[in-house]
């Protein structure tokens, strides 16, 4: 049973990766583990990097210009990417 679960997860991750559109970043972009944190960090940047209330950040990563990423979903306001099987979100479009 456990082996079947592992195989199913591996197939699902590879299928999502296969459907993703690979792109190179045109500028440095910060990606966060949730879309809510990405949005909150954008709002905090408007206040000189300080949020208006106490928050606990989960940790974002900064990807440099030219980095290849698998874009899962994007629109004018947000982007979802997949790196090493983990989903990351930005509060901006990568195009």
Protein backbone atom coordinates (compact mmCIF):
# COMPACT_ATOMS: atom_id res chain seq x y z
CA UNK A 1 0.00 0.00 0.00
CA UNK A 2 2.78 2.42 0.93
CA UNK A 3 4.66 1.60 -2.26
CA UNK A 4 1.55 2.40 -4.31
CA UNK A 5 1.20 5.75 -2.56
CA UNK A 6 4.82 6.67 -3.30
CA UNK A 7 4.44 5.70 -6.96
CA UNK A 8 1.22 7.73 -7.24
CA UNK A 9 2.86 10.81 -5.73
CA UNK A 10 5.87 10.46 -8.03
CA UNK A 11 3.65 10.19 -11.11
CA UNK A 12 1.58 13.19 -10.03
CA UNK A 13 4.64 15.38 -9.46
CA UNK A 14 6.14 14.39 -12.80
CA UNK A 15 2.83 15.00 -14.59
CA UNK A 16 2.54 18.50 -13.12
CA UNK A 17 6.16 19.15 -14.11
CA UNK A 18 5.45 17.95 -17.65
CA UNK A 19 2.50 20.34 -17.94
CA UNK A 20 4.55 23.27 -16.68
CA UNK A 21 5.91 25.89 -19.05
CA UNK A 22 9.66 26.33 -18.58
CA UNK A 23 10.80 29.94 -18.69
CA UNK A 24 13.87 31.95 -17.79
CA UNK A 25 13.30 34.83 -15.39
CA UNK A 26 13.79 38.27 -16.93
CA UNK A 27 14.48 39.91 -13.58
CA UNK A 28 15.17 38.98 -9.95
CA UNK A 29 11.93 37.84 -8.29
CA UNK A 30 11.12 36.78 -4.73
CA UNK A 31 9.02 33.60 -4.44
CA UNK A 32 7.27 32.60 -1.20
CA UNK A 33 5.80 29.28 0.00
CA UNK A 34 2.25 30.70 -0.08
CA UNK A 35 0.47 33.29 -2.19
CA UNK A 36 -0.69 35.02 1.01
CA UNK A 37 2.88 35.55 2.19
CA UNK A 38 3.94 36.79 -1.24
CA UNK A 39 1.14 39.36 -1.13
CA UNK A 40 1.92 40.39 2.47
CA UNK A 41 5.59 40.90 1.58
CA UNK A 42 4.60 43.11 -1.34
CA UNK A 43 2.44 45.21 0.98
CA UNK A 44 5.29 45.38 3.51
CA UNK A 45 7.68 46.60 0.82
CA UNK A 46 5.42 49.63 0.39
CA UNK A 47 6.08 50.38 4.09
CA UNK A 48 9.91 50.25 3.83
CA UNK A 49 9.96 46.48 4.36
CA UNK A 50 8.06 46.51 7.64
CA UNK A 51 4.60 44.98 7.89
CA UNK A 52 2.01 47.17 9.65
CA UNK A 53 1.44 44.39 12.22
CA UNK A 54 3.43 41.50 13.67
CA UNK A 55 3.78 38.54 11.29
CA UNK A 56 5.84 35.36 11.17
CA UNK A 57 7.36 34.83 7.73
CA UNK A 58 7.79 31.24 6.53
CA UNK A 59 10.74 32.12 4.34
CA UNK A 60 10.97 33.22 0.75
CA UNK A 61 13.64 32.63 -1.86
CA UNK A 62 15.10 35.13 -4.29
CA UNK A 63 15.62 33.76 -7.78
CA UNK A 64 18.05 35.64 -9.97
CA UNK A 65 17.54 36.79 -13.53
CA UNK A 66 18.12 33.96 -16.02
CA UNK A 67 17.07 31.15 -13.65
CA UNK A 68 14.99 28.44 -15.41
CA UNK A 69 11.71 27.75 -13.64
CA UNK A 70 8.64 25.61 -14.31
CA UNK A 71 5.70 28.00 -14.45
CA UNK A 72 2.52 26.25 -13.31
CA UNK A 73 0.12 29.19 -13.40
CA UNK A 74 0.42 32.92 -13.96
CA UNK A 75 -1.66 35.98 -14.65
CA UNK A 76 -1.12 39.74 -14.41
CA UNK A 77 -0.96 39.69 -10.60
CA UNK A 78 0.68 36.43 -9.54
CA UNK A 79 2.84 33.50 -10.58
CA UNK A 80 3.08 29.92 -9.31
CA UNK A 81 6.24 27.93 -10.05
CA UNK A 82 7.54 24.47 -9.21
CA UNK A 83 11.12 23.95 -7.99
CA UNK A 84 12.28 20.51 -6.82
CA UNK A 85 8.68 19.39 -6.32
CA UNK A 86 7.75 22.39 -4.15
CA UNK A 87 5.31 25.11 -5.19
CA UNK A 88 6.37 28.76 -4.81
CA UNK A 89 4.36 31.93 -5.37
CA UNK A 90 5.16 35.50 -6.40
CA UNK A 91 2.90 38.52 -6.25
CA UNK A 92 3.84 39.53 -9.80
CA UNK A 93 3.93 38.10 -13.30
CA UNK A 94 7.16 36.61 -14.66
CA UNK A 95 6.58 37.84 -18.22
